[in-house]
Amino acid sequence: IVSNNRSGSRVTEFCADLGVPYQGRAGKPSPRGL
């Protein structure tokens, strides 16, 4: 998951529950997060 979400707690919990990695504060549309 690659998210612009600034408050990472919900996304972090969601990803942990799924067992998937998370790239936060991606800054989309910048390609740097991807």
PDB file of all heavy atoms in Angstrom:
ATOM      1  N   ILE A   1       0.851  -1.190   0.000  1.00  0.00           N
ATOM      2  CA  ILE A   1       0.000   0.000   0.000  1.00  0.00           C
ATOM      3  C   ILE A   1       0.885   1.238   0.000  1.00  0.00           C
ATOM      4  O   ILE A   1       1.858   1.320   0.768  1.00  0.00           O
ATOM      5  CB  ILE A   1      -0.969  -0.022   1.193  1.00  0.00           C
ATOM      6  CG1 ILE A   1      -2.010  -1.136   0.964  1.00  0.00           C
ATOM      7  CG2 ILE A   1      -1.636   1.341   1.399  1.00  0.00           C
ATOM      8  CD1 ILE A   1      -3.016  -1.321   2.056  1.00  0.00           C
ATOM      9  N   VAL A   2       0.554   2.179  -0.865  1.00  0.00           N
ATOM     10  CA  VAL A   2       1.271   3.451  -0.990  1.00  0.00           C
ATOM     11  C   VAL A   2       0.231   4.550  -0.781  1.00  0.00           C
ATOM     12  O   VAL A   2      -0.672   4.705  -1.586  1.00  0.00           O
ATOM     13  CB  VAL A   2       1.941   3.583  -2.375  1.00  0.00           C
ATOM     14  CG1 VAL A   2       2.655   4.917  -2.497  1.00  0.00           C
ATOM     15  CG2 VAL A   2       2.897   2.426  -2.619  1.00  0.00           C
ATOM     16  N   SER A   3       0.374   5.282   0.323  1.00  0.00           N
ATOM     17  CA  SER A   3      -0.664   6.234   0.699  1.00  0.00           C
ATOM     18  C   SER A   3      -0.096   7.616   0.994  1.00  0.00           C
ATOM     19  O   SER A   3       1.004   7.737   1.536  1.00  0.00           O
ATOM     20  CB  SER A   3      -1.399   5.706   1.941  1.00  0.00           C
ATOM     21  OG  SER A   3      -2.349   6.631   2.398  1.00  0.00           O
ATOM     22  N   ASN A   4      -0.874   8.626   0.672  1.00  0.00           N
ATOM     23  CA  ASN A   4      -0.546   9.998   1.046  1.00  0.00           C
ATOM     24  C   ASN A   4      -1.016  10.322   2.458  1.00  0.00           C
ATOM     25  O   ASN A   4      -0.755  11.409   2.950  1.00  0.00           O
ATOM     26  CB  ASN A   4      -1.223  11.000   0.093  1.00  0.00           C
ATOM     27  CG  ASN A   4      -0.511  11.122  -1.228  1.00  0.00           C
ATOM     28  OD1 ASN A   4       0.541  10.540  -1.441  1.00  0.00           O
ATOM     29  ND2 ASN A   4      -1.098  11.865  -2.147  1.00  0.00           N
ATOM     30  N   ASN A   5      -1.719   9.412   3.078  1.00  0.00           N
ATOM     31  CA  ASN A   5      -2.317   9.653   4.385  1.00  0.00           C
ATOM     32  C   ASN A   5      -1.281  10.199   5.358  1.00  0.00           C
ATOM     33  O   ASN A   5      -0.240   9.593   5.580  1.00  0.00           O
ATOM     34  CB  ASN A   5      -2.927   8.344   4.908  1.00  0.00           C
ATOM     35  CG  ASN A   5      -3.955   8.580   5.965  1.00  0.00           C
ATOM     36  OD1 ASN A   5      -3.709   9.291   6.918  1.00  0.00           O
ATOM     37  ND2 ASN A   5      -5.112   7.967   5.796  1.00  0.00           N
ATOM     38  N   ARG A   6      -1.568  11.355   5.946  1.00  0.00           N
ATOM     39  CA  ARG A   6      -0.628  11.997   6.869  1.00  0.00           C
ATOM     40  C   ARG A   6      -0.699  11.415   8.277  1.00  0.00           C
ATOM     41  O   ARG A   6       0.253  11.443   9.016  1.00  0.00           O
ATOM     42  CB  ARG A   6      -0.885  13.495   6.905  1.00  0.00           C
ATOM     43  CG  ARG A   6      -0.458  14.166   5.619  1.00  0.00           C
ATOM     44  CD  ARG A   6      -0.615  15.671   5.691  1.00  0.00           C
ATOM     45  NE  ARG A   6      -0.248  16.267   4.430  1.00  0.00           N
ATOM     46  CZ  ARG A   6      -1.111  16.560   3.474  1.00  0.00           C
ATOM     47  NH1 ARG A   6      -2.381  16.312   3.641  1.00  0.00           N
ATOM     48  NH2 ARG A   6      -0.700  17.108   2.359  1.00  0.00           N
ATOM     49  N   SER A   7      -1.863  10.912   8.635  1.00  0.00           N
ATOM     50  CA  SER A   7      -2.036  10.279   9.932  1.00  0.00           C
ATOM     51  C   SER A   7      -1.887   8.781   9.730  1.00  0.00           C
ATOM     52  O   SER A   7      -2.821   8.103   9.340  1.00  0.00           O
ATOM     53  CB  SER A   7      -3.414  10.609  10.505  1.00  0.00           C
ATOM     54  OG  SER A   7      -3.660   9.825  11.647  1.00  0.00           O
ATOM     55  N   GLY A   8      -0.698   8.280   9.989  1.00  0.00           N
ATOM     56  CA  GLY A   8      -0.389   6.903   9.643  1.00  0.00           C
ATOM     57  C   GLY A   8      -0.972   5.838  10.533  1.00  0.00           C
ATOM     58  O   GLY A   8      -0.890   4.667  10.198  1.00  0.00           O
ATOM     59  N   SER A   9      -1.580   6.204  11.659  1.00  0.00           N
ATOM     60  CA  SER A   9      -1.999   5.160  12.591  1.00  0.00           C
ATOM     61  C   SER A   9      -3.052   4.234  11.993  1.00  0.00           C
ATOM     62  O   SER A   9      -2.927   3.011  12.087  1.00  0.00           O
ATOM     63  CB  SER A   9      -2.493   5.760  13.908  1.00  0.00           C
ATOM     64  OG  SER A   9      -3.625   6.574  13.689  1.00  0.00           O
ATOM     65  N   ARG A  10      -4.084   4.768  11.368  1.00  0.00           N
ATOM     66  CA  ARG A  10      -5.119   3.911  10.784  1.00  0.00           C
ATOM     67  C   ARG A  10      -4.556   3.063   9.657  1.00  0.00           C
ATOM     68  O   ARG A  10      -4.791   1.855   9.583  1.00  0.00           O
ATOM     69  CB  ARG A  10      -6.303   4.723  10.259  1.00  0.00           C
ATOM     70  CG  ARG A  10      -7.420   3.817   9.712  1.00  0.00           C
ATOM     71  CD  ARG A  10      -8.546   4.597   9.081  1.00  0.00           C
ATOM     72  NE  ARG A  10      -8.158   5.271   7.866  1.00  0.00           N
ATOM     73  CZ  ARG A  10      -8.146   4.709   6.651  1.00  0.00           C
ATOM     74  NH1 ARG A  10      -8.503   3.463   6.493  1.00  0.00           N
ATOM     75  NH2 ARG A  10      -7.794   5.403   5.598  1.00  0.00           N
ATOM     76  N   VAL A  11      -3.768   3.661   8.778  1.00  0.00           N
ATOM     77  CA  VAL A  11      -3.206   2.925   7.654  1.00  0.00           C
ATOM     78  C   VAL A  11      -2.225   1.862   8.161  1.00  0.00           C
ATOM     79  O   VAL A  11      -2.226   0.728   7.684  1.00  0.00           O
ATOM     80  CB  VAL A  11      -2.521   3.876   6.644  1.00  0.00           C
ATOM     81  CG1 VAL A  11      -1.937   3.102   5.482  1.00  0.00           C
ATOM     82  CG2 VAL A  11      -3.503   4.917   6.143  1.00  0.00           C
ATOM     83  N   THR A  12      -1.419   2.219   9.151  1.00  0.00           N
ATOM     84  CA  THR A  12      -0.474   1.269   9.728  1.00  0.00           C
ATOM     85  C   THR A  12      -1.205   0.075  10.327  1.00  0.00           C
ATOM     86  O   THR A  12      -0.823  -1.081  10.101  1.00  0.00           O
ATOM     87  CB  THR A  12       0.398   1.956  10.795  1.00  0.00           C
ATOM     88  OG1 THR A  12       1.097   3.042  10.176  1.00  0.00           O
ATOM     89  CG2 THR A  12       1.398   0.993  11.405  1.00  0.00           C
ATOM     90  N   GLU A  13      -2.276   0.338  11.066  1.00  0.00           N
ATOM     91  CA  GLU A  13      -3.077  -0.748  11.656  1.00  0.00           C
ATOM     92  C   GLU A  13      -3.709  -1.608  10.567  1.00  0.00           C
ATOM     93  O   GLU A  13      -3.707  -2.839  10.654  1.00  0.00           O
ATOM     94  CB  GLU A  13      -4.186  -0.175  12.539  1.00  0.00           C
ATOM     95  CG  GLU A  13      -3.712   0.466  13.815  1.00  0.00           C
ATOM     96  CD  GLU A  13      -4.830   1.222  14.533  1.00  0.00           C
ATOM     97  OE1 GLU A  13      -6.024   0.979  14.234  1.00  0.00           O
ATOM     98  OE2 GLU A  13      -4.509   2.065  15.384  1.00  0.00           O
ATOM     99  N   PHE A  14      -4.270  -0.961   9.559  1.00  0.00           N
ATOM    100  CA  PHE A  14      -4.935  -1.662   8.453  1.00  0.00           C
ATOM    101  C   PHE A  14      -3.936  -2.593   7.762  1.00  0.00           C
ATOM    102  O   PHE A  14      -4.229  -3.763   7.511  1.00  0.00           O
ATOM    103  CB  PHE A  14      -5.497  -0.629   7.475  1.00  0.00           C
ATOM    104  CG  PHE A  14      -6.490  -1.164   6.491  1.00  0.00           C
ATOM    105  CD1 PHE A  14      -7.849  -1.066   6.748  1.00  0.00           C
ATOM    106  CD2 PHE A  14      -6.082  -1.740   5.293  1.00  0.00           C
ATOM    107  CE1 PHE A  14      -8.787  -1.541   5.830  1.00  0.00           C
ATOM    108  CE2 PHE A  14      -7.006  -2.217   4.374  1.00  0.00           C
ATOM    109  CZ  PHE A  14      -8.362  -2.119   4.646  1.00  0.00           C
ATOM    110  N   CYS A  15      -2.747  -2.077   7.460  1.00  0.00           N
ATOM    111  CA  CYS A  15      -1.729  -2.864   6.766  1.00  0.00           C
ATOM    112  C   CYS A  15      -1.189  -3.985   7.649  1.00  0.00           C
ATOM    113  O   CYS A  15      -0.938  -5.090   7.158  1.00  0.00           O
ATOM    114  CB  CYS A  15      -0.602  -1.961   6.288  1.00  0.00           C
ATOM    115  SG  CYS A  15      -1.113  -0.835   4.977  1.00  0.00           S
ATOM    116  N   ALA A  16      -0.995  -3.704   8.929  1.00  0.00           N
ATOM    117  CA  ALA A  16      -0.524  -4.739   9.852  1.00  0.00           C
ATOM    118  C   ALA A  16      -1.533  -5.873   9.931  1.00  0.00           C
ATOM    119  O   ALA A  16      -1.164  -7.052   9.929  1.00  0.00           O
ATOM    120  CB  ALA A  16      -0.272  -4.137  11.233  1.00  0.00           C
ATOM    121  N   ASP A  17      -2.818  -5.508   9.974  1.00  0.00           N
ATOM    122  CA  ASP A  17      -3.879  -6.507  10.019  1.00  0.00           C
ATOM    123  C   ASP A  17      -3.857  -7.384   8.762  1.00  0.00           C
ATOM    124  O   ASP A  17      -4.091  -8.585   8.817  1.00  0.00           O
ATOM    125  CB  ASP A  17      -5.230  -5.802  10.173  1.00  0.00           C
ATOM    126  CG  ASP A  17      -6.351  -6.727  10.587  1.00  0.00           C
ATOM    127  OD1 ASP A  17      -6.161  -7.950  10.594  1.00  0.00           O
ATOM    128  OD2 ASP A  17      -7.438  -6.218  10.903  1.00  0.00           O
ATOM    129  N   LEU A  18      -3.545  -6.778   7.621  1.00  0.00           N
ATOM    130  CA  LEU A  18      -3.463  -7.509   6.354  1.00  0.00           C
ATOM    131  C   LEU A  18      -2.136  -8.247   6.180  1.00  0.00           C
ATOM    132  O   LEU A  18      -2.024  -9.134   5.344  1.00  0.00           O
ATOM    133  CB  LEU A  18      -3.595  -6.536   5.176  1.00  0.00           C
ATOM    134  CG  LEU A  18      -4.970  -6.176   4.677  1.00  0.00           C
ATOM    135  CD1 LEU A  18      -4.870  -5.128   3.587  1.00  0.00           C
ATOM    136  CD2 LEU A  18      -5.721  -7.388   4.188  1.00  0.00           C
ATOM    137  N   GLY A  19      -1.130  -7.807   6.936  1.00  0.00           N
ATOM    138  CA  GLY A  19       0.200  -8.389   6.762  1.00  0.00           C
ATOM    139  C   GLY A  19       0.886  -7.922   5.493  1.00  0.00           C
ATOM    140  O   GLY A  19       1.612  -8.681   4.856  1.00  0.00           O
ATOM    141  N   VAL A  20       0.646  -6.651   5.126  1.00  0.00           N
ATOM    142  CA  VAL A  20       1.274  -6.099   3.924  1.00  0.00           C
ATOM    143  C   VAL A  20       2.107  -4.871   4.289  1.00  0.00           C
ATOM    144  O   VAL A  20       1.784  -4.149   5.233  1.00  0.00           O
ATOM    145  CB  VAL A  20       0.228  -5.719   2.837  1.00  0.00           C
ATOM    146  CG1 VAL A  20      -0.571  -6.933   2.408  1.00  0.00           C
ATOM    147  CG2 VAL A  20      -0.690  -4.614   3.299  1.00  0.00           C
ATOM    148  N   PRO A  21       3.174  -4.617   3.542  1.00  0.00           N
ATOM    149  CA  PRO A  21       3.979  -3.422   3.797  1.00  0.00           C
ATOM    150  C   PRO A  21       3.248  -2.154   3.362  1.00  0.00           C
ATOM    151  O   PRO A  21       2.336  -2.194   2.534  1.00  0.00           O
ATOM    152  CB  PRO A  21       5.243  -3.647   2.971  1.00  0.00           C
ATOM    153  CG  PRO A  21       4.931  -4.721   2.006  1.00  0.00           C
ATOM    154  CD  PRO A  21       3.739  -5.467   2.504  1.00  0.00           C
ATOM    155  N   TYR A  22       3.717  -1.041   3.905  1.00  0.00           N
ATOM    156  CA  TYR A  22       3.072   0.248   3.706  1.00  0.00           C
ATOM    157  C   TYR A  22       4.125   1.320   3.468  1.00  0.00           C
ATOM    158  O   TYR A  22       5.065   1.446   4.261  1.00  0.00           O
ATOM    159  CB  TYR A  22       2.230   0.539   4.941  1.00  0.00           C
ATOM    160  CG  TYR A  22       1.840   1.970   5.198  1.00  0.00           C
ATOM    161  CD1 TYR A  22       1.223   2.728   4.218  1.00  0.00           C
ATOM    162  CD2 TYR A  22       2.066   2.561   6.435  1.00  0.00           C
ATOM    163  CE1 TYR A  22       0.842   4.041   4.461  1.00  0.00           C
ATOM    164  CE2 TYR A  22       1.681   3.865   6.691  1.00  0.00           C
ATOM    165  CZ  TYR A  22       1.082   4.603   5.709  1.00  0.00           C
ATOM    166  OH  TYR A  22       0.710   5.891   5.946  1.00  0.00           O
ATOM    167  N   GLN A  23       3.972   2.053   2.388  1.00  0.00           N
ATOM    168  CA  GLN A  23       4.820   3.215   2.111  1.00  0.00           C
ATOM    169  C   GLN A  23       3.976   4.449   2.381  1.00  0.00           C
ATOM    170  O   GLN A  23       3.061   4.751   1.614  1.00  0.00           O
ATOM    171  CB  GLN A  23       5.300   3.194   0.648  1.00  0.00           C
ATOM    172  CG  GLN A  23       6.200   4.338   0.277  1.00  0.00           C
ATOM    173  CD  GLN A  23       7.537   4.256   0.991  1.00  0.00           C
ATOM    174  OE1 GLN A  23       8.148   3.206   1.053  1.00  0.00           O
ATOM    175  NE2 GLN A  23       7.987   5.355   1.550  1.00  0.00           N
ATOM    176  N   GLY A  24       4.238   5.124   3.477  1.00  0.00           N
ATOM    177  CA  GLY A  24       3.429   6.274   3.871  1.00  0.00           C
ATOM    178  C   GLY A  24       3.971   7.587   3.366  1.00  0.00           C
ATOM    179  O   GLY A  24       5.085   7.662   2.850  1.00  0.00           O
ATOM    180  N   ARG A  25       3.150   8.617   3.527  1.00  0.00           N
ATOM    181  CA  ARG A  25       3.501   9.967   3.101  1.00  0.00           C
ATOM    182  C   ARG A  25       4.144   9.965   1.721  1.00  0.00           C
ATOM    183  O   ARG A  25       5.211  10.533   1.508  1.00  0.00           O
ATOM    184  CB  ARG A  25       4.386  10.640   4.134  1.00  0.00           C
ATOM    185  CG  ARG A  25       3.682  10.759   5.460  1.00  0.00           C
ATOM    186  CD  ARG A  25       4.512  11.431   6.490  1.00  0.00           C
ATOM    187  NE  ARG A  25       3.781  11.407   7.747  1.00  0.00           N
ATOM    188  CZ  ARG A  25       3.930  12.290   8.682  1.00  0.00           C
ATOM    189  NH1 ARG A  25       4.765  13.269   8.537  1.00  0.00           N
ATOM    190  NH2 ARG A  25       3.235  12.203   9.793  1.00  0.00           N
ATOM    191  N   ALA A  26       3.463   9.317   0.811  1.00  0.00           N
ATOM    192  CA  ALA A  26       4.007   9.068  -0.526  1.00  0.00           C
ATOM    193  C   ALA A  26       4.186  10.336  -1.358  1.00  0.00           C
ATOM    194  O   ALA A  26       4.995  10.353  -2.277  1.00  0.00           O
ATOM    195  CB  ALA A  26       3.107   8.085  -1.268  1.00  0.00           C
ATOM    196  N   GLY A  27       3.404  11.357  -1.067  1.00  0.00           N
ATOM    197  CA  GLY A  27       3.543  12.605  -1.815  1.00  0.00           C
ATOM    198  C   GLY A  27       3.021  12.535  -3.237  1.00  0.00           C
ATOM    199  O   GLY A  27       3.444  13.315  -4.089  1.00  0.00           O
ATOM    200  N   LYS A  28       2.111  11.579  -3.506  1.00  0.00           N
ATOM    201  CA  LYS A  28       1.530  11.506  -4.852  1.00  0.00           C
ATOM    202  C   LYS A  28       0.856  12.847  -5.164  1.00  0.00           C
ATOM    203  O   LYS A  28       0.203  13.383  -4.295  1.00  0.00           O
ATOM    204  CB  LYS A  28       0.505  10.361  -4.928  1.00  0.00           C
ATOM    205  CG  LYS A  28       1.087   8.979  -4.697  1.00  0.00           C
ATOM    206  CD  LYS A  28       0.026   7.900  -4.678  1.00  0.00           C
ATOM    207  CE  LYS A  28      -0.787   7.967  -3.401  1.00  0.00           C
ATOM    208  NZ  LYS A  28      -1.824   6.966  -3.249  1.00  0.00           N
ATOM    209  N   PRO A  29       1.066  13.409  -6.325  1.00  0.00           N
ATOM    210  CA  PRO A  29       1.469  12.814  -7.592  1.00  0.00           C
ATOM    211  C   PRO A  29       2.974  12.721  -7.847  1.00  0.00           C
ATOM    212  O   PRO A  29       3.379  12.302  -8.925  1.00  0.00           O
ATOM    213  CB  PRO A  29       0.810  13.710  -8.630  1.00  0.00           C
ATOM    214  CG  PRO A  29       0.826  15.054  -8.009  1.00  0.00           C
ATOM    215  CD  PRO A  29       0.591  14.787  -6.528  1.00  0.00           C
ATOM    216  N   SER A  30       3.803  13.097  -6.900  1.00  0.00           N
ATOM    217  CA  SER A  30       5.234  12.872  -7.080  1.00  0.00           C
ATOM    218  C   SER A  30       5.468  11.371  -7.195  1.00  0.00           C
ATOM    219  O   SER A  30       4.824  10.587  -6.498  1.00  0.00           O
ATOM    220  CB  SER A  30       6.002  13.426  -5.870  1.00  0.00           C
ATOM    221  OG  SER A  30       7.332  12.964  -5.898  1.00  0.00           O
ATOM    222  N   PRO A  31       6.405  10.956  -8.031  1.00  0.00           N
ATOM    223  CA  PRO A  31       6.688   9.526  -8.152  1.00  0.00           C
ATOM    224  C   PRO A  31       7.563   8.982  -7.020  1.00  0.00           C
ATOM    225  O   PRO A  31       7.759   7.783  -6.914  1.00  0.00           O
ATOM    226  CB  PRO A  31       7.417   9.433  -9.495  1.00  0.00           C
ATOM    227  CG  PRO A  31       8.065  10.759  -9.667  1.00  0.00           C
ATOM    228  CD  PRO A  31       7.120  11.755  -9.030  1.00  0.00           C
ATOM    229  N   ARG A  32       8.037   9.839  -6.115  1.00  0.00           N
ATOM    230  CA  ARG A  32       9.021   9.400  -5.120  1.00  0.00           C
ATOM    231  C   ARG A  32       8.506   8.311  -4.188  1.00  0.00           C
ATOM    232  O   ARG A  32       9.251   7.400  -3.826  1.00  0.00           O
ATOM    233  CB  ARG A  32       9.582  10.580  -4.343  1.00  0.00           C
ATOM    234  CG  ARG A  32       8.622  11.277  -3.442  1.00  0.00           C
ATOM    235  CD  ARG A  32       9.260  12.491  -2.735  1.00  0.00           C
ATOM    236  NE  ARG A  32       8.243  13.420  -2.316  1.00  0.00           N
ATOM    237  CZ  ARG A  32       7.582  13.319  -1.187  1.00  0.00           C
ATOM    238  NH1 ARG A  32       7.826  12.353  -0.350  1.00  0.00           N
ATOM    239  NH2 ARG A  32       6.657  14.206  -0.882  1.00  0.00           N
ATOM    240  N   GLY A  33       7.242   8.363  -3.791  1.00  0.00           N
ATOM    241  CA  GLY A  33       6.689   7.320  -2.924  1.00  0.00           C
ATOM    242  C   GLY A  33       6.613   5.979  -3.634  1.00  0.00           C
ATOM    243  O   GLY A  33       6.907   4.936  -3.046  1.00  0.00           O
ATOM    244  N   LEU A  34       6.247   5.993  -4.900  1.00  0.00           N
ATOM    245  CA  LEU A  34       6.198   4.759  -5.686  1.00  0.00           C
ATOM    246  C   LEU A  34       7.608   4.218  -5.897  1.00  0.00           C
ATOM    247  O   LEU A  34       7.842   3.014  -5.788  1.00  0.00           O
ATOM    248  CB  LEU A  34       5.513   4.998  -7.035  1.00  0.00           C
ATOM    249  CG  LEU A  34       3.988   5.024  -7.026  1.00  0.00           C
ATOM    250  CD1 LEU A  34       3.418   6.194  -6.274  1.00  0.00           C
ATOM    251  CD2 LEU A  34       3.463   5.000  -8.441  1.00  0.00           C
TER     252      LEU A  34
END
